Amino acid sequence: MAYEFRHRMRVAFADTDMAGIVHFSRFFYYMEVTEHAFLRSVGLSVHLETEGRVVSWPRGHVECTYKAPLRFEDEFDVHLLVREMKRSSITYDFRFLLDGENLVSEGSATTICAAVDRATGRMSAIAIPQPFLECVEVAPADVLST
């Protein structure tokens, strides 16, 4: 089972503002891209059919604290940790690292496991399906605290 994932990314020109610094909103995009890559790495998806229903993961809460800028062409790592799993939600912590160790930003996202009604597009919270429980686990406390 997995609780940790590292994703290498590069700042694109479209990610930056007039000063050449990554716009704050892009960090949320980077978190989402990393979450999707993490789920694919364990054979899952953020939107799939399982147990006879379409399951997706809308956001319940996101936040990000900025410590230093990222600039055009910077290569950086997004380090994902699974902080918490409840009956119908997963909370991820994200650390953005430049040069593998310099903390640029920290964030988190709580995603809600939801069944999607194909006819109406409505979503309702459900218990996390077994395939997710078999592949994803909470990071140990000592890993979360570092």
Protein backbone atom coordinates (compact mmCIF):
# COMPACT_ATOMS: atom_id res chain seq x y z
CA MET A 1 0.00 0.00 0.00
CA ALA A 2 1.15 3.54 -0.70
CA TYR A 3 1.10 6.72 1.40
CA GLU A 4 3.81 8.78 -0.27
CA PHE A 5 4.60 9.99 -3.78
CA ARG A 6 7.08 12.40 -5.36
CA HIS A 7 6.36 14.13 -8.64
CA ARG A 8 8.94 16.16 -10.58
CA MET A 9 7.59 19.16 -12.46
CA ARG A 10 8.90 22.18 -14.39
CA VAL A 11 7.44 25.68 -14.29
CA ALA A 12 5.91 26.54 -17.67
CA PHE A 13 5.80 30.11 -18.97
CA ALA A 14 2.00 30.03 -18.76
CA ASP A 15 2.29 29.36 -14.99
CA THR A 16 3.96 32.70 -14.31
CA ASP A 17 2.85 36.27 -13.81
CA MET A 18 4.40 39.43 -15.29
CA ALA A 19 7.28 39.19 -12.78
CA GLY A 20 8.12 35.67 -13.98
CA ILE A 21 6.98 34.14 -10.68
CA VAL A 22 4.50 31.26 -10.46
CA HIS A 23 0.99 32.61 -9.88
CA PHE A 24 -0.41 31.43 -6.54
CA SER A 25 -3.31 29.58 -8.17
CA ARG A 26 -0.96 27.24 -10.06
CA PHE A 27 0.10 25.58 -6.80
CA PHE A 28 -3.43 24.16 -6.55
CA TYR A 29 -3.11 22.85 -10.09
CA TYR A 30 0.26 21.27 -9.20
CA MET A 31 -1.35 19.57 -6.18
CA GLU A 32 -4.11 18.14 -8.35
CA VAL A 33 -1.71 16.90 -11.03
CA THR A 34 0.39 15.22 -8.32
CA GLU A 35 -2.68 13.60 -6.73
CA HIS A 36 -3.70 12.18 -10.12
CA ALA A 37 -0.18 10.86 -10.77
CA PHE A 38 -0.14 9.27 -7.29
CA LEU A 39 -3.43 7.46 -7.90
CA ARG A 40 -2.28 6.28 -11.35
CA SER A 41 0.95 4.96 -9.76
CA VAL A 42 -1.12 2.53 -7.67
CA GLY A 43 -3.51 1.58 -10.48
CA LEU A 44 -6.35 3.94 -9.57
CA SER A 45 -7.86 7.11 -10.99
CA VAL A 46 -9.55 10.22 -9.65
CA HIS A 47 -12.55 9.29 -11.81
CA LEU A 48 -13.38 5.64 -12.36
CA GLU A 49 -16.07 3.04 -12.29
CA THR A 50 -15.90 0.63 -9.39
CA GLU A 51 -18.40 -1.49 -7.51
CA GLY A 52 -21.03 -0.66 -10.14
CA ARG A 53 -20.84 3.13 -9.88
CA VAL A 54 -18.84 6.08 -11.11
CA VAL A 55 -16.65 7.43 -8.33
CA SER A 56 -14.94 10.82 -8.30
CA TRP A 57 -13.13 12.99 -5.75
CA PRO A 58 -14.35 16.61 -5.54
CA ARG A 59 -12.48 18.97 -3.23
CA GLY A 60 -13.85 19.70 0.22
CA HIS A 61 -11.02 21.96 1.36
CA VAL A 62 -7.68 23.18 -0.02
CA GLU A 63 -5.03 25.48 1.35
CA CYS A 64 -1.50 26.58 0.55
CA THR A 65 1.18 28.57 2.36
CA TYR A 66 3.89 30.23 0.30
CA LYS A 67 7.45 30.54 1.55
CA ALA A 68 9.55 31.36 -1.55
CA PRO A 69 8.88 31.90 -5.25
CA LEU A 70 9.16 29.47 -8.10
CA ARG A 71 10.17 30.93 -11.46
CA PHE A 72 9.91 30.04 -15.14
CA GLU A 73 11.93 26.89 -15.99
CA ASP A 74 12.49 25.93 -12.33
CA GLU A 75 12.37 22.17 -11.78
CA PHE A 76 10.76 21.25 -8.51
CA ASP A 77 9.38 18.26 -6.67
CA VAL A 78 5.92 17.94 -5.21
CA HIS A 79 5.99 15.53 -2.27
CA LEU A 80 2.55 14.07 -1.48
CA LEU A 81 1.75 12.38 1.83
CA VAL A 82 -1.59 10.83 2.81
CA ARG A 83 -2.30 12.56 6.13
CA GLU A 84 -5.75 11.19 6.94
CA MET A 85 -8.40 8.82 5.66
CA LYS A 86 -11.93 8.92 6.98
CA ARG A 87 -15.00 6.99 5.90
CA SER A 88 -15.53 9.14 2.80
CA SER A 89 -12.54 11.47 2.51
CA ILE A 90 -8.78 11.55 2.06
CA THR A 91 -6.55 14.45 3.12
CA TYR A 92 -3.23 14.90 1.35
CA ASP A 93 -0.32 17.08 2.44
CA PHE A 94 1.91 18.56 -0.24
CA ARG A 95 5.42 19.96 0.06
CA PHE A 96 6.97 21.85 -2.84
CA LEU A 97 10.74 21.49 -2.93
CA LEU A 98 13.26 23.30 -5.11
CA ASP A 99 16.61 21.55 -5.60
CA GLY A 100 15.21 18.58 -3.68
CA GLU A 101 15.36 20.25 -0.28
CA ASN A 102 14.44 23.96 -0.28
CA LEU A 103 10.83 24.28 0.89
CA VAL A 104 8.95 26.67 -1.41
CA SER A 105 5.39 26.01 -0.33
CA GLU A 106 3.19 23.68 1.71
CA GLY A 107 -0.40 22.80 1.06
CA SER A 108 -3.16 20.34 1.71
CA ALA A 109 -6.30 19.10 0.02
CA THR A 110 -9.21 17.14 1.41
CA THR A 111 -11.05 15.18 -1.26
CA ILE A 112 -14.51 13.69 -0.80
CA CYS A 113 -15.29 10.27 -2.22
CA ALA A 114 -18.47 10.73 -4.22
CA ALA A 115 -20.74 8.63 -6.40
CA VAL A 116 -21.68 10.44 -9.61
CA ASP A 117 -25.18 10.07 -11.03
CA ARG A 118 -24.58 9.87 -14.78
CA ALA A 119 -28.04 11.18 -15.65
CA THR A 120 -28.00 14.33 -13.50
CA GLY A 121 -24.29 14.84 -12.77
CA ARG A 122 -25.11 15.10 -9.07
CA MET A 123 -22.67 13.71 -6.57
CA SER A 124 -23.21 12.22 -3.13
CA ALA A 125 -20.61 11.25 -0.55
CA ILE A 126 -20.01 7.51 -0.20
CA ALA A 127 -17.66 5.27 1.75
CA ILE A 128 -14.25 4.91 0.12
CA PRO A 129 -14.44 1.82 -2.13
CA GLN A 130 -12.40 -1.28 -1.37
CA PRO A 131 -9.97 -0.85 -4.31
CA PHE A 132 -8.80 2.45 -2.77
CA LEU A 133 -8.56 0.97 0.72
CA GLU A 134 -6.38 -1.83 -0.68
CA CYS A 135 -3.94 0.59 -2.35
CA VAL A 136 -3.77 3.75 -0.24
CA GLU A 137 -2.94 4.14 3.45
CA VAL A 138 -2.17 6.91 5.93
CA ALA A 139 1.49 7.85 6.30
CA PRO A 140 3.12 6.90 9.61
CA ALA A 141 3.22 9.72 12.19
CA ASP A 142 7.00 9.99 12.06
CA VAL A 143 6.89 10.56 8.27
CA LEU A 144 4.16 13.19 8.58
CA SER A 145 6.08 15.13 11.21
CA THR A 146 9.29 15.53 9.19
